[in-house]
């Protein structure tokens, strides 16, 4: 594994296309009725319908009085590997009456396992793995050729507030994504390398914080959950000093969002802006909540009605944090007394995001006069209210499906732009309202408003 990492290649065989990966074999101990039994454990990453970490333990010389009850469903008091207790639960067990061997399948509570000291600052750099990310163009590109296949490797450099992060695509990432589009599931698309900007050593806890930030950054760019998994920490002597195994949160989903994967400047520019905002504790919690709501709202399989409600809840959360807490444009009591559309207007106007109903939202525009909608915030909040309080209005979901679909897209458009704006992003974005090619990119509106021709 160490040789692969030094060459910035995937560890644990994760670059191979399969559904089960053996991550590690380690000594294990189980406690049954106060008695400890030692054995061995295989740690596996399984990629069937839903990704999961499973521990497969084998324990010999277990007396019948202890082995039989566990095989029949009795709970274990603890399960540990390499001296680290792994909270979780038993999913299956088998006891061999002839050999007195007990086998147990153990499911960690949080679908993650770490077997390293987290507080000690002894990591010089770390590696991680990324499943189901996009074929994002990197600022550095290299040709790839193997067994007659020709491709390219993209290096995406992300300099964040405290961290230097490099994402490297695989030689076959383009082919892998074509396969994912056809078959779905989970496949590795990128390897990651992480170190401090100043080159200093860091702890497992610091790495965990960095990976959390990276999860929300990449997920917002991806438009669905996309988290780094299976991280490995290396010290200055090139020894492995940390291993933490985890799973991708979601299987493959088509990309719908603000990022144009063919653009090699958007992700690095946003990473720098986002990480600075993330370093502020108040904003960190706000970004965690709003991106969580954004990812759920962006999933059309959960229903566009749900998406409209969640996206607008996230906008209101952003408005409070930006307008009341950061800029102090209005007192808390005053903000609470505002109607929802005014909470949207004060945020959008402050961020220089246009509030007129876009021409692309034709069905909403067509009924705006009849509904006396002044602008997009008025239309969106009225449509949301029709979902939450149907008894208050005459706007029916079933009679206006196209309008609701456009309201869903427009709500997400405003939420994407609001997050980009509060992070002070100054690059380009893909405009989901225009249904153009993903390679199309345009300037964010707060940059256009500063141009001489504006």
Protein backbone atom coordinates (compact mmCIF):
# COMPACT_ATOMS: atom_id res chain seq x y z
CA UNK A 1 0.00 0.00 0.00
CA UNK A 2 2.78 2.44 0.90
CA UNK A 3 4.42 2.14 -2.53
CA UNK A 4 1.10 2.94 -4.25
CA UNK A 5 0.56 5.99 -2.04
CA UNK A 6 4.04 7.35 -2.68
CA UNK A 7 3.23 7.19 -6.40
CA UNK A 8 -0.14 8.87 -5.70
CA UNK A 9 -2.08 5.76 -6.73
CA UNK A 10 -5.21 4.37 -5.02
CA UNK A 11 -4.62 2.22 -1.95
CA UNK A 12 -6.44 -0.99 -0.95
CA UNK A 13 -7.01 -1.92 -4.59
CA UNK A 14 -9.80 0.67 -4.79
CA UNK A 15 -8.85 1.48 -8.37
CA UNK A 16 -10.07 -1.96 -9.45
CA UNK A 17 -13.65 -2.39 -10.56
CA UNK A 18 -15.34 -4.75 -8.11
CA UNK A 19 -18.03 -4.79 -5.42
CA UNK A 20 -15.97 -5.87 -2.40
CA UNK A 21 -12.59 -4.62 -1.22
CA UNK A 22 -10.47 -6.19 1.52
CA UNK A 23 -9.06 -3.18 3.38
CA UNK A 24 -7.16 -4.83 6.22
CA UNK A 25 -6.66 -7.99 8.31
CA UNK A 26 -6.07 -7.25 11.99
CA UNK A 27 -6.15 -8.87 15.44
CA UNK A 28 -9.61 -8.63 17.01
CA UNK A 29 -11.19 -9.15 20.42
CA UNK A 30 -14.80 -9.71 21.40
CA UNK A 31 -16.27 -9.54 24.89
CA UNK A 32 -19.03 -12.02 25.74
CA UNK A 33 -20.53 -12.05 29.24
CA UNK A 34 -17.46 -10.31 30.60
CA UNK A 35 -14.95 -12.74 28.99
CA UNK A 36 -12.62 -11.59 26.21
CA UNK A 37 -11.86 -13.85 23.25
CA UNK A 38 -9.10 -13.07 20.76
CA UNK A 39 -9.07 -13.77 17.06
CA UNK A 40 -8.66 -12.08 13.69
CA UNK A 41 -10.79 -9.72 11.65
CA UNK A 42 -11.12 -8.81 7.98
CA UNK A 43 -12.22 -5.23 7.32
CA UNK A 44 -14.14 -4.96 4.05
CA UNK A 45 -15.67 -2.16 2.01
CA UNK A 46 -18.73 -3.60 0.30
CA UNK A 47 -20.33 -1.91 -2.68
CA UNK A 48 -23.60 -3.66 -3.34
CA UNK A 49 -26.88 -1.74 -3.43
CA UNK A 50 -25.63 0.48 -0.62
CA UNK A 51 -21.98 0.94 0.37
CA UNK A 52 -21.02 -0.34 3.82
CA UNK A 53 -18.05 -1.21 6.03
CA UNK A 54 -18.27 -4.72 7.45
CA UNK A 55 -15.98 -6.50 9.94
CA UNK A 56 -15.70 -10.28 9.66
CA UNK A 57 -14.28 -11.76 12.85
CA UNK A 58 -13.05 -15.32 13.48
CA UNK A 59 -12.49 -16.43 17.07
CA UNK A 60 -11.17 -19.89 18.00
CA UNK A 61 -11.43 -21.89 21.22
CA UNK A 62 -14.70 -20.27 22.25
CA UNK A 63 -16.58 -22.53 24.72
CA UNK A 64 -20.09 -23.59 23.75
CA UNK A 65 -21.59 -21.68 26.67
CA UNK A 66 -20.39 -18.44 25.05
CA UNK A 67 -20.42 -19.24 21.34
CA UNK A 68 -23.88 -20.77 20.95
CA UNK A 69 -25.84 -17.84 22.50
CA UNK A 70 -24.02 -15.34 20.26
CA UNK A 71 -24.67 -17.44 17.15
CA UNK A 72 -28.36 -17.44 18.11
CA UNK A 73 -28.58 -13.66 18.39
CA UNK A 74 -27.27 -12.67 21.81
CA UNK A 75 -25.53 -9.29 21.73
CA UNK A 76 -21.80 -8.81 22.20
CA UNK A 77 -20.55 -6.46 24.89
CA UNK A 78 -17.80 -5.12 22.64
CA UNK A 79 -15.91 -5.71 19.40
CA UNK A 80 -12.41 -4.24 19.01
CA UNK A 81 -9.68 -4.41 16.39
CA UNK A 82 -6.05 -3.65 17.03
CA UNK A 83 -6.99 -2.43 20.51
CA UNK A 84 -9.59 0.10 19.31
CA UNK A 85 -13.21 -0.44 20.35
CA UNK A 86 -15.59 -0.32 17.38
CA UNK A 87 -19.16 0.69 18.37
CA UNK A 88 -21.72 -1.16 16.32
CA UNK A 89 -23.93 -4.22 16.23
CA UNK A 90 -23.77 -7.88 15.22
CA UNK A 91 -25.57 -8.71 11.97
CA UNK A 92 -24.85 -12.46 11.87
CA UNK A 93 -22.98 -15.15 13.75
CA UNK A 94 -22.11 -18.84 13.39
CA UNK A 95 -20.68 -21.27 15.90
CA UNK A 96 -18.93 -24.51 14.90
CA UNK A 97 -19.54 -27.16 17.57
CA UNK A 98 -16.66 -29.30 16.30
CA UNK A 99 -13.89 -26.68 16.09
CA UNK A 100 -15.31 -24.31 18.74
CA UNK A 101 -14.84 -21.46 16.26
CA UNK A 102 -17.13 -18.43 16.39
CA UNK A 103 -17.53 -16.24 13.29
CA UNK A 104 -19.20 -12.84 13.59
CA UNK A 105 -20.20 -10.15 11.09
CA UNK A 106 -20.03 -6.73 12.76
CA UNK A 107 -21.55 -3.52 11.40
CA UNK A 108 -19.96 -0.28 12.71
CA UNK A 109 -22.51 2.24 13.98
CA UNK A 110 -21.32 5.10 11.76
CA UNK A 111 -20.14 3.08 8.75
CA UNK A 112 -16.61 4.19 9.53
CA UNK A 113 -13.65 2.69 11.35
CA UNK A 114 -10.50 4.41 12.60
CA UNK A 115 -7.65 2.53 14.27
CA UNK A 116 -5.20 5.34 14.91
CA UNK A 117 -4.43 7.92 17.55
CA UNK A 118 -6.33 11.07 16.56
CA UNK A 119 -4.73 13.74 18.77
CA UNK A 120 -1.02 13.31 18.00
CA UNK A 121 0.38 15.69 15.37
CA UNK A 122 2.55 13.30 13.39
CA UNK A 123 1.01 13.33 9.89
CA UNK A 124 3.01 15.12 7.19
CA UNK A 125 0.56 14.37 4.39
CA UNK A 126 -2.50 12.23 3.85
CA UNK A 127 -4.26 10.44 1.02
CA UNK A 128 -7.95 9.86 0.42
CA UNK A 129 -10.22 8.39 -2.26
CA UNK A 130 -13.16 9.86 -4.11
CA UNK A 131 -15.96 7.80 -5.63
CA UNK A 132 -18.43 9.09 -8.22
CA UNK A 133 -16.98 12.58 -8.69
CA UNK A 134 -17.18 14.44 -11.99
CA UNK A 135 -14.71 14.42 -14.85
CA UNK A 136 -13.49 17.87 -13.82
CA UNK A 137 -10.84 19.46 -15.98
CA UNK A 138 -7.60 20.10 -14.12
CA UNK A 139 -5.05 22.85 -14.57
CA UNK A 140 -2.44 20.13 -15.15
CA UNK A 141 -3.16 17.36 -17.65
CA UNK A 142 -1.11 14.33 -18.60
CA UNK A 143 -1.73 11.67 -21.27
CA UNK A 144 -2.51 8.14 -20.13
CA UNK A 145 -1.98 4.99 -22.15
CA UNK A 146 -2.24 1.40 -20.98
CA UNK A 147 -3.11 -1.85 -22.76
CA UNK A 148 -4.21 0.04 -25.85
CA UNK A 149 -6.44 2.45 -23.94
CA UNK A 150 -5.75 6.17 -24.33
CA UNK A 151 -7.00 8.70 -21.84
CA UNK A 152 -5.81 11.57 -19.70
CA UNK A 153 -5.07 12.29 -16.05
CA UNK A 154 -6.24 15.60 -14.63
CA UNK A 155 -4.63 17.19 -11.56
CA UNK A 156 -6.97 19.60 -9.77
CA UNK A 157 -5.13 21.85 -7.31
CA UNK A 158 -7.21 23.29 -4.47
CA UNK A 159 -5.45 25.76 -2.19
CA UNK A 160 -7.84 26.30 0.70
CA UNK A 161 -7.53 28.47 3.81
CA UNK A 162 -5.11 26.13 5.63
CA UNK A 163 -4.72 23.16 3.30
CA UNK A 164 -3.16 22.23 -0.01
CA UNK A 165 -5.38 19.61 -1.63
CA UNK A 166 -4.72 17.85 -4.90
CA UNK A 167 -7.27 15.67 -6.68
CA UNK A 168 -5.97 13.34 -9.37
CA UNK A 169 -8.28 11.59 -11.80
CA UNK A 170 -7.59 8.02 -12.84
CA UNK A 171 -6.38 7.25 -16.33
CA UNK A 172 -9.81 5.79 -17.11
CA UNK A 173 -12.02 8.28 -15.24
CA UNK A 174 -13.77 9.32 -18.47
CA UNK A 175 -14.62 5.69 -19.25
CA UNK A 176 -15.65 5.04 -15.65
CA UNK A 177 -18.13 7.93 -15.70
CA UNK A 178 -19.65 6.67 -18.95
CA UNK A 179 -20.12 3.31 -17.22
CA UNK A 180 -21.66 5.00 -14.16
CA UNK A 181 -24.10 6.92 -16.35
CA UNK A 182 -25.26 3.62 -17.84
CA UNK A 183 -25.18 1.31 -14.82
CA UNK A 184 -25.03 3.51 -11.70
CA UNK A 185 -23.42 2.23 -8.52
CA UNK A 186 -20.03 3.14 -7.10
CA UNK A 187 -16.65 3.48 -8.81
CA UNK A 188 -13.48 5.27 -7.84
CA UNK A 189 -12.85 8.33 -10.01
CA UNK A 190 -10.14 10.28 -8.14
CA UNK A 191 -7.39 9.96 -5.57
CA UNK A 192 -6.63 12.86 -3.22
CA UNK A 193 -3.51 14.14 -1.48
CA UNK A 194 -3.69 16.56 1.47
CA UNK A 195 -1.07 18.56 3.34
CA UNK A 196 -0.85 21.80 5.30
CA UNK A 197 -0.08 24.92 3.28
CA UNK A 198 2.84 25.72 5.59
CA UNK A 199 4.12 22.14 5.50
CA UNK A 200 3.58 21.57 9.24
CA UNK A 201 2.49 18.24 10.73
CA UNK A 202 -1.13 17.69 11.70
CA UNK A 203 -3.28 15.32 13.74
CA UNK A 204 -5.99 12.86 12.80
CA UNK A 205 -8.57 15.21 14.25
CA UNK A 206 -7.33 18.05 12.05
CA UNK A 207 -7.44 15.76 9.03
CA UNK A 208 -11.00 14.77 9.93
CA UNK A 209 -12.00 18.46 10.05
CA UNK A 210 -10.38 19.03 6.66
CA UNK A 211 -12.20 16.05 5.14
CA UNK A 212 -15.52 17.35 6.50
CA UNK A 213 -14.89 20.72 4.85
CA UNK A 214 -13.90 18.94 1.64
CA UNK A 215 -17.08 16.83 1.76
CA UNK A 216 -19.35 19.89 1.80
CA UNK A 217 -17.24 21.71 -0.79
CA UNK A 218 -17.23 18.81 -3.27
CA UNK A 219 -20.85 17.88 -2.59
CA UNK A 220 -22.02 21.43 -3.35
CA UNK A 221 -19.96 21.32 -6.55
CA UNK A 222 -21.22 17.84 -7.44
CA UNK A 223 -24.89 18.56 -6.67
CA UNK A 224 -25.20 15.43 -4.51
CA UNK A 225 -23.24 13.86 -1.67
CA UNK A 226 -19.60 13.21 -2.60
CA UNK A 227 -17.31 12.54 0.36
CA UNK A 228 -13.63 11.50 0.50
CA UNK A 229 -13.24 8.00 1.96
CA UNK A 230 -10.55 5.64 3.25
CA UNK A 231 -7.94 8.18 4.32
CA UNK A 232 -4.33 7.23 5.10
CA UNK A 233 -1.91 9.43 7.06
CA UNK A 234 1.83 9.32 6.38
CA UNK A 235 4.58 10.71 8.65
CA UNK A 236 7.90 12.27 7.64
CA UNK A 237 9.57 8.85 7.69
CA UNK A 238 7.04 7.68 5.06
CA UNK A 239 5.37 5.31 7.52
CA UNK A 240 1.61 4.86 7.70
CA UNK A 241 0.47 6.36 11.02
CA UNK A 242 -3.28 6.65 10.43
CA UNK A 243 -5.94 4.63 8.64
CA UNK A 244 -9.60 5.57 8.64
CA UNK A 245 -12.11 3.65 6.55
CA UNK A 246 -15.47 5.02 5.49
CA UNK A 247 -17.99 4.70 2.65
CA UNK A 248 -19.41 6.89 -0.13
CA UNK A 249 -22.71 8.37 1.06
CA UNK A 250 -24.56 8.02 -2.23
CA UNK A 251 -24.46 5.93 -5.36
CA UNK A 252 -24.06 7.58 -8.76
CA UNK A 253 -26.44 10.36 -9.73
CA UNK A 254 -26.41 12.50 -12.88
CA UNK A 255 -24.84 15.92 -12.37
CA UNK A 256 -27.22 18.86 -11.97
CA UNK A 257 -25.69 21.99 -10.49
CA UNK A 258 -23.69 25.17 -10.90
CA UNK A 259 -20.29 23.62 -11.72
CA UNK A 260 -19.18 23.24 -15.33
CA UNK A 261 -16.87 20.23 -15.23
CA UNK A 262 -15.02 21.30 -18.38
CA UNK A 263 -13.93 24.54 -16.71
CA UNK A 264 -10.59 24.21 -14.91
CA UNK A 265 -10.88 27.43 -12.85
CA UNK A 266 -14.31 27.20 -11.17
CA UNK A 267 -13.59 24.53 -8.55
CA UNK A 268 -10.17 25.91 -7.44
CA UNK A 269 -11.59 29.44 -7.23
CA UNK A 270 -14.61 28.34 -5.23
CA UNK A 271 -12.49 26.15 -2.92
CA UNK A 272 -10.42 29.16 -1.90
CA UNK A 273 -13.50 31.32 -1.25
CA UNK A 274 -15.49 28.58 0.47
CA UNK A 275 -12.72 27.53 2.85
CA UNK A 276 -12.27 31.10 4.11
CA UNK A 277 -15.98 31.30 4.95
CA UNK A 278 -15.87 27.81 6.46
CA UNK A 279 -13.11 28.92 8.85
CA UNK A 280 -15.68 31.15 10.59
CA UNK A 281 -17.52 29.00 13.16
CA UNK A 282 -20.91 30.68 12.69
CA UNK A 283 -20.71 30.45 8.93
CA UNK A 284 -19.50 26.85 9.11
CA UNK A 285 -22.72 25.74 10.77
CA UNK A 286 -24.82 27.81 8.36
CA UNK A 287 -23.03 26.36 5.33
CA UNK A 288 -23.39 22.82 6.67
CA UNK A 289 -27.14 23.28 7.09
CA UNK A 290 -27.81 25.10 3.82
CA UNK A 291 -25.72 22.71 1.71
CA UNK A 292 -27.43 19.75 3.39
CA UNK A 293 -30.81 21.23 2.45
CA UNK A 294 -29.52 22.09 -1.03
CA UNK A 295 -28.42 18.51 -1.71
CA UNK A 296 -31.81 17.16 -0.63
CA UNK A 297 -33.67 19.82 -2.60
CA UNK A 298 -31.57 19.09 -5.69
CA UNK A 299 -32.59 15.42 -5.64
CA UNK A 300 -35.68 15.36 -7.85
CA UNK A 301 -36.43 11.78 -6.79
CA UNK A 302 -37.54 13.18 -3.43
CA UNK A 303 -40.16 15.29 -5.21
CA UNK A 304 -39.91 18.79 -6.62
CA UNK A 305 -42.49 19.97 -4.07
CA UNK A 306 -40.10 18.92 -1.29
CA UNK A 307 -37.26 20.57 -3.18
CA UNK A 308 -39.07 23.91 -3.38
CA UNK A 309 -39.71 23.92 0.37
CA UNK A 310 -36.17 22.86 1.35
CA UNK A 311 -34.43 25.25 -1.04
CA UNK A 312 -36.40 28.22 0.26
CA UNK A 313 -35.79 27.20 3.88
CA UNK A 314 -32.08 27.23 3.08
CA UNK A 315 -32.32 30.69 1.47
CA UNK A 316 -34.07 32.04 4.54
CA UNK A 317 -31.33 30.56 6.76
CA UNK A 318 -28.67 32.25 4.60
CA UNK A 319 -30.57 35.52 4.69
CA UNK A 320 -30.66 35.56 8.49
CA UNK A 321 -26.95 34.77 8.81
CA UNK A 322 -25.87 37.32 6.21
CA UNK A 323 -28.36 40.16 6.77
CA UNK A 324 -28.72 40.03 10.57
CA UNK A 325 -25.57 38.39 11.94
CA UNK A 326 -22.83 39.41 9.49
CA UNK A 327 -23.94 42.71 7.96
CA UNK A 328 -26.32 43.90 10.73
CA UNK A 329 -28.63 45.45 8.16
CA UNK A 330 -31.66 44.76 10.30
CA UNK A 331 -32.32 43.75 13.90
CA UNK A 332 -33.25 40.18 14.75
CA UNK A 333 -36.78 41.17 15.77
CA UNK A 334 -37.21 43.15 12.56
CA UNK A 335 -36.10 40.20 10.45
CA UNK A 336 -38.54 37.87 12.14
CA UNK A 337 -41.40 40.26 11.38
CA UNK A 338 -40.66 40.28 7.63
CA UNK A 339 -42.71 38.20 5.23
CA UNK A 340 -40.72 35.46 3.50
CA UNK A 341 -40.47 37.32 0.18
CA UNK A 342 -38.92 40.35 1.90
CA UNK A 343 -36.35 38.11 3.59
CA UNK A 344 -35.40 36.91 0.13
CA UNK A 345 -35.37 40.42 -1.36
CA UNK A 346 -33.07 41.89 1.26
CA UNK A 347 -30.59 39.02 0.80
CA UNK A 348 -30.65 39.07 -3.01
CA UNK A 349 -30.45 42.85 -3.21
CA UNK A 350 -27.51 42.91 -0.79
CA UNK A 351 -25.71 40.25 -2.84
CA UNK A 352 -26.56 41.91 -6.18
CA UNK A 353 -28.54 38.93 -7.40
CA UNK A 354 -31.42 40.00 -9.70
CA UNK A 355 -34.92 39.55 -8.30
CA UNK A 356 -36.95 39.94 -11.51
CA UNK A 357 -38.59 36.75 -12.77
CA UNK A 358 -36.12 35.38 -15.37
CA UNK A 359 -37.33 35.10 -18.94
CA UNK A 360 -36.40 31.39 -18.85
CA UNK A 361 -39.19 30.80 -16.27
CA UNK A 362 -41.89 31.27 -18.90
CA UNK A 363 -44.79 29.59 -17.13
CA UNK A 364 -44.21 31.61 -14.00
CA UNK A 365 -43.96 34.80 -16.07
CA UNK A 366 -47.21 33.97 -17.89
CA UNK A 367 -49.25 33.80 -14.69
CA UNK A 368 -47.40 36.54 -12.77
CA UNK A 369 -49.88 39.28 -13.74
CA UNK A 370 -52.87 37.16 -12.84
CA UNK A 371 -51.35 36.36 -9.43
CA UNK A 372 -50.05 39.95 -8.97
CA UNK A 373 -46.52 38.69 -8.36
CA UNK A 374 -44.14 41.65 -8.11
CA UNK A 375 -40.92 39.67 -8.64
CA UNK A 376 -39.29 36.26 -8.31
CA UNK A 377 -39.18 36.21 -4.46
CA UNK A 378 -42.93 36.99 -4.42
CA UNK A 379 -43.69 34.24 -6.95
CA UNK A 380 -41.52 31.61 -5.27
CA UNK A 381 -42.81 32.18 -1.76
CA UNK A 382 -46.41 32.24 -3.03
CA UNK A 383 -45.86 28.90 -4.78
CA UNK A 384 -44.24 27.48 -1.66
CA UNK A 385 -47.15 28.70 0.47
CA UNK A 386 -49.55 26.94 -1.89
CA UNK A 387 -47.74 23.70 -1.02
CA UNK A 388 -47.58 24.25 2.72
CA UNK A 389 -50.95 26.03 3.17
CA UNK A 390 -53.18 24.91 0.27
CA UNK A 391 -56.27 26.22 2.03
CA UNK A 392 -55.00 29.81 1.74
CA UNK A 393 -54.86 30.10 -2.02
CA UNK A 394 -56.17 28.91 -5.37
CA UNK A 395 -52.80 27.86 -6.83
CA UNK A 396 -53.07 24.10 -7.40
CA UNK A 397 -50.04 21.84 -7.77
CA UNK A 398 -51.77 19.38 -10.09
CA UNK A 399 -53.05 22.18 -12.38
CA UNK A 400 -49.69 23.96 -12.64
CA UNK A 401 -47.03 21.23 -12.88
CA UNK A 402 -44.83 23.21 -15.29
CA UNK A 403 -44.91 26.25 -13.03
CA UNK A 404 -43.96 24.17 -10.00
CA UNK A 405 -41.12 22.54 -11.94
CA UNK A 406 -39.81 25.97 -12.94
CA UNK A 407 -40.21 27.18 -9.36
CA UNK A 408 -38.07 24.23 -8.22
CA UNK A 409 -35.32 25.12 -10.69
CA UNK A 410 -35.54 28.81 -9.87
CA UNK A 411 -35.39 28.17 -6.11
CA UNK A 412 -32.24 26.07 -6.59
CA UNK A 413 -30.76 28.72 -8.90
CA UNK A 414 -31.22 31.36 -6.21
CA UNK A 415 -29.81 29.06 -3.54
CA UNK A 416 -26.73 28.21 -5.63
CA UNK A 417 -26.06 31.86 -6.38
CA UNK A 418 -26.63 32.85 -2.75
CA UNK A 419 -24.07 30.33 -1.47
CA UNK A 420 -21.58 31.39 -4.14
CA UNK A 421 -22.15 35.06 -3.31
CA UNK A 422 -21.84 34.81 0.49
CA UNK A 423 -18.56 32.94 -0.09
CA UNK A 424 -17.44 35.90 -2.25
CA UNK A 425 -16.90 33.70 -5.28
CA UNK A 426 -15.93 35.74 -8.34
CA UNK A 427 -15.78 33.18 -11.12
CA UNK A 428 -18.21 31.75 -13.64
CA UNK A 429 -21.03 29.25 -13.22
CA UNK A 430 -23.36 27.05 -15.21
CA UNK A 431 -26.85 28.58 -15.33
CA UNK A 432 -29.33 25.75 -14.75
CA UNK A 433 -32.21 27.93 -16.00
CA UNK A 434 -30.91 28.02 -19.56
CA UNK A 435 -30.79 24.26 -20.21
CA UNK A 436 -27.66 24.72 -22.31
CA UNK A 437 -24.54 22.62 -22.58
CA UNK A 438 -22.72 21.93 -19.34
CA UNK A 439 -19.63 23.53 -20.88
CA UNK A 440 -21.49 26.84 -21.09
CA UNK A 441 -20.43 29.24 -18.35
CA UNK A 442 -21.33 32.81 -17.53
CA UNK A 443 -20.16 35.41 -15.06
CA UNK A 444 -21.90 35.55 -11.70
CA UNK A 445 -24.32 38.52 -11.62
CA UNK A 446 -22.53 40.45 -8.85
CA UNK A 447 -19.46 40.64 -11.08
CA UNK A 448 -21.51 41.74 -14.09
CA UNK A 449 -23.10 44.51 -12.00
CA UNK A 450 -19.63 46.03 -11.48
CA UNK A 451 -18.69 46.08 -15.18
CA UNK A 452 -18.64 49.49 -16.98
CA UNK A 453 -21.38 48.37 -19.34
CA UNK A 454 -23.73 47.38 -16.50
